[in-house]
């Protein structure tokens, strides 16, 4: 595996799914909450709703953090996979 390429691909995948998740939440907030509650075994995500509106920065900042974090995770994953898979 190529560590940098793996980091980029993982980072892009996570950010794209984050954006998709955000768009679905904005378009269909109640069905989205029902889905999230079901996905996490009944954990009530409605408790996290404050009623305050989100700015674009409130959405962009986590996307930036995810991009950086998952790039690092992807690079490490590929590097470790190469080391473990090396039969030398």
PDB file of N, CA and C in Angstrom:
ATOM      1  N   UNK A   1       0.837  -1.188   0.000  1.00  0.00           N
ATOM      2  CA  UNK A   1       0.000   0.000   0.000  1.00  0.00           C
ATOM      3  C   UNK A   1       0.875   1.242   0.000  1.00  0.00           C
ATOM      4  N   UNK A   2       0.362   2.272  -0.608  1.00  0.00           N
ATOM      5  CA  UNK A   2       1.058   3.556  -0.620  1.00  0.00           C
ATOM      6  C   UNK A   2       0.465   4.410   0.496  1.00  0.00           C
ATOM      7  N   UNK A   3       1.252   4.729   1.534  1.00  0.00           N
ATOM      8  CA  UNK A   3       0.711   5.445   2.691  1.00  0.00           C
ATOM      9  C   UNK A   3       0.039   6.777   2.363  1.00  0.00           C
ATOM     10  N   UNK A   4       0.662   7.611   1.557  1.00  0.00           N
ATOM     11  CA  UNK A   4       0.086   8.928   1.258  1.00  0.00           C
ATOM     12  C   UNK A   4      -1.220   8.770   0.484  1.00  0.00           C
ATOM     13  N   UNK A   5      -1.219   7.893  -0.511  1.00  0.00           N
ATOM     14  CA  UNK A   5      -2.433   7.668  -1.304  1.00  0.00           C
ATOM     15  C   UNK A   5      -3.553   7.112  -0.422  1.00  0.00           C
ATOM     16  N   UNK A   6      -3.223   6.175   0.443  1.00  0.00           N
ATOM     17  CA  UNK A   6      -4.224   5.607   1.344  1.00  0.00           C
ATOM     18  C   UNK A   6      -4.776   6.682   2.268  1.00  0.00           C
ATOM     19  N   UNK A   7      -3.910   7.546   2.788  1.00  0.00           N
ATOM     20  CA  UNK A   7      -4.348   8.645   3.655  1.00  0.00           C
ATOM     21  C   UNK A   7      -5.283   9.590   2.934  1.00  0.00           C
ATOM     22  N   UNK A   8      -4.950   9.923   1.695  1.00  0.00           N
ATOM     23  CA  UNK A   8      -5.791  10.835   0.917  1.00  0.00           C
ATOM     24  C   UNK A   8      -7.153  10.200   0.638  1.00  0.00           C
ATOM     25  N   UNK A   9      -7.148   8.943   0.224  1.00  0.00           N
ATOM     26  CA  UNK A   9      -8.402   8.267  -0.114  1.00  0.00           C
ATOM     27  C   UNK A   9      -9.292   8.120   1.125  1.00  0.00           C
ATOM     28  N   UNK A  10      -8.726   7.736   2.253  1.00  0.00           N
ATOM     29  CA  UNK A  10      -9.520   7.606   3.479  1.00  0.00           C
ATOM     30  C   UNK A  10     -10.059   8.968   3.910  1.00  0.00           C
ATOM     31  N   UNK A  11      -9.222   9.984   3.866  1.00  0.00           N
ATOM     32  CA  UNK A  11      -9.637  11.332   4.250  1.00  0.00           C
ATOM     33  C   UNK A  11     -10.781  11.836   3.370  1.00  0.00           C
ATOM     34  N   UNK A  12     -10.646  11.676   2.064  1.00  0.00           N
ATOM     35  CA  UNK A  12     -11.701  12.107   1.148  1.00  0.00           C
ATOM     36  C   UNK A  12     -13.002  11.335   1.367  1.00  0.00           C
ATOM     37  N   UNK A  13     -12.888  10.046   1.608  1.00  0.00           N
ATOM     38  CA  UNK A  13     -14.066   9.216   1.841  1.00  0.00           C
ATOM     39  C   UNK A  13     -14.817   9.684   3.084  1.00  0.00           C
ATOM     40  N   UNK A  14     -14.104   9.904   4.171  1.00  0.00           N
ATOM     41  CA  UNK A  14     -14.740  10.334   5.419  1.00  0.00           C
ATOM     42  C   UNK A  14     -15.374  11.716   5.251  1.00  0.00           C
ATOM     43  N   UNK A  15     -14.681  12.634   4.618  1.00  0.00           N
ATOM     44  CA  UNK A  15     -15.224  13.991   4.443  1.00  0.00           C
ATOM     45  C   UNK A  15     -16.457  13.968   3.534  1.00  0.00           C
ATOM     46  N   UNK A  16     -16.418  13.175   2.464  1.00  0.00           N
ATOM     47  CA  UNK A  16     -17.586  13.082   1.592  1.00  0.00           C
ATOM     48  C   UNK A  16     -18.790  12.500   2.329  1.00  0.00           C
ATOM     49  N   UNK A  17     -18.572  11.475   3.132  1.00  0.00           N
ATOM     50  CA  UNK A  17     -19.674  10.910   3.894  1.00  0.00           C
ATOM     51  C   UNK A  17     -20.153  11.874   4.975  1.00  0.00           C
ATOM     52  N   UNK A  18     -19.258  12.654   5.551  1.00  0.00           N
ATOM     53  CA  UNK A  18     -19.653  13.681   6.520  1.00  0.00           C
ATOM     54  C   UNK A  18     -20.544  14.730   5.856  1.00  0.00           C
ATOM     55  N   UNK A  19     -20.162  15.170   4.662  1.00  0.00           N
ATOM     56  CA  UNK A  19     -20.965  16.155   3.928  1.00  0.00           C
ATOM     57  C   UNK A  19     -22.331  15.563   3.576  1.00  0.00           C
ATOM     58  N   UNK A  20     -22.348  14.325   3.096  1.00  0.00           N
ATOM     59  CA  UNK A  20     -23.609  13.657   2.786  1.00  0.00           C
ATOM     60  C   UNK A  20     -24.488  13.554   4.027  1.00  0.00           C
ATOM     61  N   UNK A  21     -23.904  13.165   5.130  1.00  0.00           N
ATOM     62  CA  UNK A  21     -24.626  13.053   6.398  1.00  0.00           C
ATOM     63  C   UNK A  21     -25.227  14.405   6.784  1.00  0.00           C
ATOM     64  N   UNK A  22     -24.458  15.469   6.652  1.00  0.00           N
ATOM     65  CA  UNK A  22     -24.929  16.809   6.988  1.00  0.00           C
ATOM     66  C   UNK A  22     -26.088  17.229   6.088  1.00  0.00           C
ATOM     67  N   UNK A  23     -25.972  16.958   4.796  1.00  0.00           N
ATOM     68  CA  UNK A  23     -27.034  17.329   3.860  1.00  0.00           C
ATOM     69  C   UNK A  23     -28.337  16.577   4.147  1.00  0.00           C
ATOM     70  N   UNK A  24     -28.222  15.299   4.477  1.00  0.00           N
ATOM     71  CA  UNK A  24     -29.421  14.527   4.811  1.00  0.00           C
ATOM     72  C   UNK A  24     -30.042  15.066   6.094  1.00  0.00           C
ATOM     73  N   UNK A  25     -29.222  15.401   7.073  1.00  0.00           N
ATOM     74  CA  UNK A  25     -29.729  15.949   8.333  1.00  0.00           C
ATOM     75  C   UNK A  25     -30.466  17.274   8.110  1.00  0.00           C
ATOM     76  N   UNK A  26     -29.900  18.137   7.244  1.00  0.00           N
ATOM     77  CA  UNK A  26     -30.529  19.424   6.960  1.00  0.00           C
ATOM     78  C   UNK A  26     -31.853  19.221   6.209  1.00  0.00           C
ATOM     79  N   UNK A  27     -31.867  18.303   5.254  1.00  0.00           N
ATOM     80  CA  UNK A  27     -33.052  18.087   4.424  1.00  0.00           C
ATOM     81  C   UNK A  27     -34.160  17.331   5.154  1.00  0.00           C
ATOM     82  N   UNK A  28     -33.775  16.356   5.970  1.00  0.00           N
ATOM     83  CA  UNK A  28     -34.753  15.473   6.625  1.00  0.00           C
ATOM     84  C   UNK A  28     -34.385  15.266   8.095  1.00  0.00           C
ATOM     85  N   UNK A  29     -34.504  16.301   8.921  1.00  0.00           N
ATOM     86  CA  UNK A  29     -33.998  16.191  10.293  1.00  0.00           C
ATOM     87  C   UNK A  29     -34.667  15.096  11.133  1.00  0.00           C
ATOM     88  N   UNK A  30     -35.967  14.951  11.051  1.00  0.00           N
ATOM     89  CA  UNK A  30     -36.640  13.948  11.895  1.00  0.00           C
ATOM     90  C   UNK A  30     -36.336  12.515  11.449  1.00  0.00           C
ATOM     91  N   UNK A  31     -36.473  12.187  10.157  1.00  0.00           N
ATOM     92  CA  UNK A  31     -36.083  10.832   9.738  1.00  0.00           C
ATOM     93  C   UNK A  31     -34.603  10.540  10.004  1.00  0.00           C
ATOM     94  N   UNK A  32     -33.771  11.573   9.851  1.00  0.00           N
ATOM     95  CA  UNK A  32     -32.345  11.383  10.118  1.00  0.00           C
ATOM     96  C   UNK A  32     -32.114  11.031  11.588  1.00  0.00           C
ATOM     97  N   UNK A  33     -32.780  11.727  12.492  1.00  0.00           N
ATOM     98  CA  UNK A  33     -32.638  11.423  13.919  1.00  0.00           C
ATOM     99  C   UNK A  33     -33.137  10.020  14.232  1.00  0.00           C
ATOM    100  N   UNK A  34     -34.241   9.619  13.615  1.00  0.00           N
ATOM    101  CA  UNK A  34     -34.737   8.253  13.813  1.00  0.00           C
ATOM    102  C   UNK A  34     -33.716   7.230  13.342  1.00  0.00           C
ATOM    103  N   UNK A  35     -33.100   7.490  12.187  1.00  0.00           N
ATOM    104  CA  UNK A  35     -32.067   6.595  11.661  1.00  0.00           C
ATOM    105  C   UNK A  35     -30.870   6.524  12.604  1.00  0.00           C
ATOM    106  N   UNK A  36     -30.384   7.684  13.057  1.00  0.00           N
ATOM    107  CA  UNK A  36     -29.224   7.709  13.948  1.00  0.00           C
ATOM    108  C   UNK A  36     -29.523   6.979  15.258  1.00  0.00           C
ATOM    109  N   UNK A  37     -30.695   7.193  15.799  1.00  0.00           N
ATOM    110  CA  UNK A  37     -31.067   6.508  17.038  1.00  0.00           C
ATOM    111  C   UNK A  37     -31.097   4.993  16.832  1.00  0.00           C
ATOM    112  N   UNK A  38     -31.598   4.549  15.685  1.00  0.00           N
ATOM    113  CA  UNK A  38     -31.632   3.115  15.394  1.00  0.00           C
ATOM    114  C   UNK A  38     -30.236   2.570  15.147  1.00  0.00           C
ATOM    115  N   UNK A  39     -29.425   3.338  14.436  1.00  0.00           N
ATOM    116  CA  UNK A  39     -28.065   2.904  14.111  1.00  0.00           C
ATOM    117  C   UNK A  39     -27.227   2.682  15.370  1.00  0.00           C
ATOM    118  N   UNK A  40     -27.445   3.503  16.378  1.00  0.00           N
ATOM    119  CA  UNK A  40     -26.669   3.411  17.615  1.00  0.00           C
ATOM    120  C   UNK A  40     -27.488   2.802  18.751  1.00  0.00           C
ATOM    121  N   UNK A  41     -28.277   1.785  18.423  1.00  0.00           N
ATOM    122  CA  UNK A  41     -28.990   0.956  19.406  1.00  0.00           C
ATOM    123  C   UNK A  41     -29.852   1.757  20.369  1.00  0.00           C
ATOM    124  N   UNK A  42     -30.543   2.762  19.849  1.00  0.00           N
ATOM    125  CA  UNK A  42     -31.493   3.503  20.667  1.00  0.00           C
ATOM    126  C   UNK A  42     -30.918   4.683  21.429  1.00  0.00           C
ATOM    127  N   UNK A  43     -29.633   4.964  21.269  1.00  0.00           N
ATOM    128  CA  UNK A  43     -29.056   6.150  21.899  1.00  0.00           C
ATOM    129  C   UNK A  43     -29.790   7.372  21.363  1.00  0.00           C
ATOM    130  N   UNK A  44     -30.272   8.239  22.236  1.00  0.00           N
ATOM    131  CA  UNK A  44     -31.112   9.357  21.830  1.00  0.00           C
ATOM    132  C   UNK A  44     -30.272  10.571  21.442  1.00  0.00           C
ATOM    133  N   UNK A  45     -30.098  10.763  20.144  1.00  0.00           N
ATOM    134  CA  UNK A  45     -29.317  11.884  19.646  1.00  0.00           C
ATOM    135  C   UNK A  45     -30.079  13.208  19.717  1.00  0.00           C
ATOM    136  N   UNK A  46     -31.380  13.151  19.948  1.00  0.00           N
ATOM    137  CA  UNK A  46     -32.155  14.387  20.052  1.00  0.00           C
ATOM    138  C   UNK A  46     -31.697  15.233  21.248  1.00  0.00           C
ATOM    139  N   UNK A  47     -31.119  14.603  22.229  1.00  0.00           N
ATOM    140  CA  UNK A  47     -30.621  15.344  23.393  1.00  0.00           C
ATOM    141  C   UNK A  47     -29.494  16.294  23.022  1.00  0.00           C
ATOM    142  N   UNK A  48     -28.846  16.048  21.897  1.00  0.00           N
ATOM    143  CA  UNK A  48     -27.748  16.910  21.457  1.00  0.00           C
ATOM    144  C   UNK A  48     -28.241  18.151  20.724  1.00  0.00           C
ATOM    145  N   UNK A  49     -29.507  18.170  20.356  1.00  0.00           N
ATOM    146  CA  UNK A  49     -30.054  19.321  19.652  1.00  0.00           C
ATOM    147  C   UNK A  49     -30.275  20.472  20.633  1.00  0.00           C
ATOM    148  N   UNK A  50     -29.728  21.626  20.289  1.00  0.00           N
ATOM    149  CA  UNK A  50     -29.824  22.781  21.179  1.00  0.00           C
ATOM    150  C   UNK A  50     -30.862  23.792  20.719  1.00  0.00           C
ATOM    151  N   UNK A  51     -31.292  23.685  19.488  1.00  0.00           N
ATOM    152  CA  UNK A  51     -32.223  24.672  18.954  1.00  0.00           C
ATOM    153  C   UNK A  51     -31.513  25.860  18.333  1.00  0.00           C
ATOM    154  N   UNK A  52     -30.212  25.964  18.539  1.00  0.00           N
ATOM    155  CA  UNK A  52     -29.447  27.054  17.940  1.00  0.00           C
ATOM    156  C   UNK A  52     -29.096  26.677  16.505  1.00  0.00           C
ATOM    157  N   UNK A  53     -29.105  27.661  15.623  1.00  0.00           N
ATOM    158  CA  UNK A  53     -28.754  27.377  14.233  1.00  0.00           C
ATOM    159  C   UNK A  53     -27.244  27.201  14.099  1.00  0.00           C
ATOM    160  N   UNK A  54     -26.863  26.437  13.083  1.00  0.00           N
ATOM    161  CA  UNK A  54     -25.457  26.189  12.805  1.00  0.00           C
ATOM    162  C   UNK A  54     -24.972  27.161  11.744  1.00  0.00           C
ATOM    163  N   UNK A  55     -23.744  27.596  11.881  1.00  0.00           N
ATOM    164  CA  UNK A  55     -23.123  28.393  10.834  1.00  0.00           C
ATOM    165  C   UNK A  55     -22.369  27.438   9.905  1.00  0.00           C
ATOM    166  N   UNK A  56     -21.917  27.966   8.784  1.00  0.00           N
ATOM    167  CA  UNK A  56     -21.117  27.139   7.882  1.00  0.00           C
ATOM    168  C   UNK A  56     -19.833  26.696   8.565  1.00  0.00           C
ATOM    169  N   UNK A  57     -19.287  27.528   9.419  1.00  0.00           N
ATOM    170  CA  UNK A  57     -18.059  27.173  10.130  1.00  0.00           C
ATOM    171  C   UNK A  57     -18.299  25.986  11.068  1.00  0.00           C
ATOM    172  N   UNK A  58     -19.480  25.919  11.679  1.00  0.00           N
ATOM    173  CA  UNK A  58     -19.818  24.797  12.562  1.00  0.00           C
ATOM    174  C   UNK A  58     -19.832  23.480  11.802  1.00  0.00           C
ATOM    175  N   UNK A  59     -20.050  23.535  10.505  1.00  0.00           N
ATOM    176  CA  UNK A  59     -20.033  22.340   9.670  1.00  0.00           C
ATOM    177  C   UNK A  59     -18.659  22.122   9.049  1.00  0.00           C
ATOM    178  N   UNK A  60     -18.009  23.194   8.634  1.00  0.00           N
ATOM    179  CA  UNK A  60     -16.715  23.080   7.959  1.00  0.00           C
ATOM    180  C   UNK A  60     -15.598  22.677   8.919  1.00  0.00           C
ATOM    181  N   UNK A  61     -15.618  23.199  10.137  1.00  0.00           N
ATOM    182  CA  UNK A  61     -14.535  22.907  11.083  1.00  0.00           C
ATOM    183  C   UNK A  61     -14.395  21.408  11.364  1.00  0.00           C
ATOM    184  N   UNK A  62     -15.492  20.695  11.687  1.00  0.00           N
ATOM    185  CA  UNK A  62     -15.334  19.248  11.880  1.00  0.00           C
ATOM    186  C   UNK A  62     -14.863  18.539  10.611  1.00  0.00           C
ATOM    187  N   UNK A  63     -15.278  19.007   9.435  1.00  0.00           N
ATOM    188  CA  UNK A  63     -14.822  18.390   8.187  1.00  0.00           C
ATOM    189  C   UNK A  63     -13.309  18.543   8.037  1.00  0.00           C
ATOM    190  N   UNK A  64     -12.783  19.691   8.407  1.00  0.00           N
ATOM    191  CA  UNK A  64     -11.334  19.926   8.345  1.00  0.00           C
ATOM    192  C   UNK A  64     -10.611  19.021   9.338  1.00  0.00           C
ATOM    193  N   UNK A  65     -11.149  18.933  10.553  1.00  0.00           N
ATOM    194  CA  UNK A  65     -10.545  18.064  11.569  1.00  0.00           C
ATOM    195  C   UNK A  65     -10.568  16.611  11.099  1.00  0.00           C
ATOM    196  N   UNK A  66     -11.720  16.166  10.561  1.00  0.00           N
ATOM    197  CA  UNK A  66     -11.818  14.798  10.042  1.00  0.00           C
ATOM    198  C   UNK A  66     -10.804  14.564   8.932  1.00  0.00           C
ATOM    199  N   UNK A  67     -10.669  15.525   8.013  1.00  0.00           N
ATOM    200  CA  UNK A  67      -9.743  15.374   6.890  1.00  0.00           C
ATOM    201  C   UNK A  67      -8.317  15.161   7.393  1.00  0.00           C
ATOM    202  N   UNK A  68      -7.900  15.968   8.338  1.00  0.00           N
ATOM    203  CA  UNK A  68      -6.531  15.851   8.869  1.00  0.00           C
ATOM    204  C   UNK A  68      -6.363  14.552   9.636  1.00  0.00           C
ATOM    205  N   UNK A  69      -7.309  14.258  10.523  1.00  0.00           N
ATOM    206  CA  UNK A  69      -7.205  13.068  11.373  1.00  0.00           C
ATOM    207  C   UNK A  69      -7.206  11.788  10.543  1.00  0.00           C
ATOM    208  N   UNK A  70      -8.146  11.672   9.611  1.00  0.00           N
ATOM    209  CA  UNK A  70      -8.245  10.435   8.846  1.00  0.00           C
ATOM    210  C   UNK A  70      -7.159  10.312   7.795  1.00  0.00           C
ATOM    211  N   UNK A  71      -6.573  11.420   7.361  1.00  0.00           N
ATOM    212  CA  UNK A  71      -5.378  11.330   6.527  1.00  0.00           C
ATOM    213  C   UNK A  71      -4.264  10.673   7.326  1.00  0.00           C
ATOM    214  N   UNK A  72      -4.068  11.135   8.557  1.00  0.00           N
ATOM    215  CA  UNK A  72      -3.027  10.551   9.419  1.00  0.00           C
ATOM    216  C   UNK A  72      -3.319   9.078   9.705  1.00  0.00           C
ATOM    217  N   UNK A  73      -4.576   8.751   9.965  1.00  0.00           N
ATOM    218  CA  UNK A  73      -4.951   7.355  10.217  1.00  0.00           C
ATOM    219  C   UNK A  73      -4.660   6.499   8.982  1.00  0.00           C
ATOM    220  N   UNK A  74      -5.020   6.990   7.802  1.00  0.00           N
ATOM    221  CA  UNK A  74      -4.774   6.237   6.571  1.00  0.00           C
ATOM    222  C   UNK A  74      -3.296   6.030   6.302  1.00  0.00           C
ATOM    223  N   UNK A  75      -2.492   7.062   6.515  1.00  0.00           N
ATOM    224  CA  UNK A  75      -1.043   6.934   6.327  1.00  0.00           C
ATOM    225  C   UNK A  75      -0.486   5.901   7.300  1.00  0.00           C
ATOM    226  N   UNK A  76      -0.882   5.991   8.557  1.00  0.00           N
ATOM    227  CA  UNK A  76      -0.394   5.038   9.552  1.00  0.00           C
ATOM    228  C   UNK A  76      -0.861   3.621   9.234  1.00  0.00           C
ATOM    229  N   UNK A  77      -2.123   3.470   8.837  1.00  0.00           N
ATOM    230  CA  UNK A  77      -2.671   2.164   8.502  1.00  0.00           C
ATOM    231  C   UNK A  77      -1.865   1.508   7.377  1.00  0.00           C
ATOM    232  N   UNK A  78      -1.602   2.264   6.314  1.00  0.00           N
ATOM    233  CA  UNK A  78      -0.838   1.716   5.187  1.00  0.00           C
ATOM    234  C   UNK A  78       0.594   1.407   5.598  1.00  0.00           C
ATOM    235  N   UNK A  79       1.206   2.302   6.353  1.00  0.00           N
ATOM    236  CA  UNK A  79       2.573   2.069   6.815  1.00  0.00           C
ATOM    237  C   UNK A  79       2.645   0.810   7.676  1.00  0.00           C
ATOM    238  N   UNK A  80       1.728   0.687   8.632  1.00  0.00           N
ATOM    239  CA  UNK A  80       1.714  -0.479   9.514  1.00  0.00           C
ATOM    240  C   UNK A  80       1.397  -1.748   8.726  1.00  0.00           C
ATOM    241  N   UNK A  81       0.449  -1.658   7.799  1.00  0.00           N
ATOM    242  CA  UNK A  81       0.131  -2.815   6.963  1.00  0.00           C
ATOM    243  C   UNK A  81       1.329  -3.273   6.157  1.00  0.00           C
ATOM    244  N   UNK A  82       2.106  -2.329   5.651  1.00  0.00           N
ATOM    245  CA  UNK A  82       3.325  -2.688   4.912  1.00  0.00           C
ATOM    246  C   UNK A  82       4.353  -3.348   5.827  1.00  0.00           C
ATOM    247  N   UNK A  83       4.476  -2.857   7.049  1.00  0.00           N
ATOM    248  CA  UNK A  83       5.449  -3.440   8.004  1.00  0.00           C
ATOM    249  C   UNK A  83       5.025  -4.840   8.452  1.00  0.00           C
ATOM    250  N   UNK A  84       3.757  -5.007   8.751  1.00  0.00           N
ATOM    251  CA  UNK A  84       3.256  -6.311   9.216  1.00  0.00           C
ATOM    252  C   UNK A  84       3.273  -7.310   8.063  1.00  0.00           C
ATOM    253  N   UNK A  85       2.949  -6.856   6.866  1.00  0.00           N
ATOM    254  CA  UNK A  85       2.889  -7.746   5.719  1.00  0.00           C
ATOM    255  C   UNK A  85       4.237  -8.079   5.120  1.00  0.00           C
ATOM    256  N   UNK A  86       5.267  -7.413   5.575  1.00  0.00           N
ATOM    257  CA  UNK A  86       6.612  -7.634   5.054  1.00  0.00           C
ATOM    258  C   UNK A  86       7.149  -8.953   5.594  1.00  0.00           C
ATOM    259  N   UNK A  87       7.512  -9.856   4.709  1.00  0.00           N
ATOM    260  CA  UNK A  87       7.966 -11.198   5.119  1.00  0.00           C
ATOM    261  C   UNK A  87       9.483 -11.295   5.236  1.00  0.00           C
ATOM    262  N   UNK A  88      10.177 -10.178   5.302  1.00  0.00           N
ATOM    263  CA  UNK A  88      11.657 -10.217   5.395  1.00  0.00           C
ATOM    264  C   UNK A  88      12.136 -10.781   6.673  1.00  0.00           C
TER     265      UNK A  88
END
